[in-house]
Protein backbone atom coordinates (compact mmCIF):
# COMPACT_ATOMS: atom_id res chain seq x y z
CA UNK A 1 -15.15 8.04 4.14
CA UNK A 2 -13.52 11.92 4.19
CA UNK A 3 -14.71 12.91 7.19
CA UNK A 4 -13.68 10.10 9.29
CA UNK A 5 -10.25 10.58 8.22
CA UNK A 6 -10.79 14.54 8.91
CA UNK A 7 -11.82 13.63 12.61
CA UNK A 8 -9.28 10.94 13.08
CA UNK A 9 -6.83 13.77 11.76
CA UNK A 10 -7.80 15.81 14.34
CA UNK A 11 -8.12 13.36 17.44
CA UNK A 12 -4.88 12.48 17.00
CA UNK A 13 -3.69 16.52 16.27
CA UNK A 14 -6.09 18.18 18.41
CA UNK A 15 -4.79 21.11 18.18
CA UNK A 16 -4.86 21.26 14.79
CA UNK A 17 -6.33 23.58 12.14
CA UNK A 18 -6.43 24.13 8.36
CA UNK A 19 -7.78 25.31 4.90
CA UNK A 20 -9.66 22.89 2.91
CA UNK A 21 -6.65 22.71 0.60
CA UNK A 22 -4.54 22.49 3.46
CA UNK A 23 -6.87 19.79 4.83
CA UNK A 24 -6.74 17.59 1.28
CA UNK A 25 -2.95 18.34 0.94
CA UNK A 26 -1.22 17.90 4.37
CA UNK A 27 -4.22 15.82 6.18
CA UNK A 28 -6.05 13.30 3.79
CA UNK A 29 -2.87 12.58 1.88
CA UNK A 30 -0.39 12.02 4.79
CA UNK A 31 -3.53 9.86 5.68
CA UNK A 32 -3.83 8.10 2.44
CA UNK A 33 -0.50 7.38 2.07
CA UNK A 34 -0.37 5.70 5.50
CA UNK A 35 -3.18 3.59 5.38
CA UNK A 36 -1.80 2.40 1.69
CA UNK A 37 1.93 1.73 3.25
CA UNK A 38 0.06 -1.07 5.57
CA UNK A 39 -2.07 -2.29 2.19
CA UNK A 40 1.58 -2.51 0.27
CA UNK A 41 3.16 -4.23 3.54
CA UNK A 42 0.63 -6.90 3.50
CA UNK A 43 0.90 -7.37 0.08
CA UNK A 44 4.21 -7.60 0.00
CA UNK A 45 4.16 -10.36 2.91
CA UNK A 46 2.09 -12.66 0.83
CA UNK A 47 3.96 -12.13 -2.07
CA UNK A 48 7.21 -13.05 -0.33
CA UNK A 49 5.57 -16.22 2.08
CA UNK A 50 3.79 -17.22 -1.92
CA UNK A 51 7.94 -16.80 -3.30
CA UNK A 52 6.71 -14.83 -6.19
CA UNK A 53 8.65 -12.06 -5.11
CA UNK A 54 12.24 -12.15 -3.38
CA UNK A 55 12.96 -9.79 -0.42
CA UNK A 56 16.60 -8.74 -0.11
CA UNK A 57 17.80 -6.42 2.73
CA UNK A 58 20.46 -3.60 1.53
CA UNK A 59 24.26 -2.33 3.48
CA UNK A 60 21.70 0.02 4.68
CA UNK A 61 18.91 -2.14 6.12
CA UNK A 62 16.66 -1.17 3.89
CA UNK A 63 14.25 -4.10 2.63
CA UNK A 64 14.64 -4.07 -1.54
CA UNK A 65 11.98 -7.01 -3.25
CA UNK A 66 12.35 -8.16 -6.50
CA UNK A 67 10.63 -10.93 -8.89
CA UNK A 68 10.98 -14.35 -8.30
CA UNK A 69 11.87 -15.41 -11.93
CA UNK A 70 11.47 -18.73 -11.44
CA UNK A 71 7.77 -18.39 -10.50
CA UNK A 72 7.05 -16.28 -13.26
CA UNK A 73 4.70 -18.26 -14.51
CA UNK A 74 2.72 -18.70 -11.61
CA UNK A 75 2.23 -14.45 -11.40
CA UNK A 76 1.75 -14.08 -14.61
CA UNK A 77 -1.40 -16.74 -13.74
CA UNK A 78 -2.62 -14.55 -10.97
CA UNK A 79 -2.09 -11.25 -13.10
CA UNK A 80 -4.47 -12.94 -15.84
CA UNK A 81 -7.13 -14.41 -12.85
CA UNK A 82 -7.22 -10.54 -11.50
CA UNK A 83 -7.53 -9.57 -14.99
CA UNK A 84 -10.79 -11.75 -15.50
CA UNK A 85 -11.92 -11.46 -12.45
CA UNK A 86 -11.80 -7.34 -12.92
CA UNK A 87 -13.64 -7.95 -16.24
CA UNK A 88 -16.69 -10.23 -15.22
CA UNK A 89 -17.00 -7.12 -12.39
């Protein structure tokens, strides 16, 4: 709910104030990115655990992810199943 996101931002930044456009562009976008980051990290963790993708740490210590081509058919099967579920919904 958008109202909850606005309140969460304001409770974390009690001195903040902005226009509706500023709230949309800065507060809500930032919060959405932070929320999505958690979802992405959880998905990446699962994909690595299932050996569907491979995690590689680069020289700069950042983690890079790529497809595990040895399990590409498993990945394709999961994609087909997800599409079928979406179509059935």
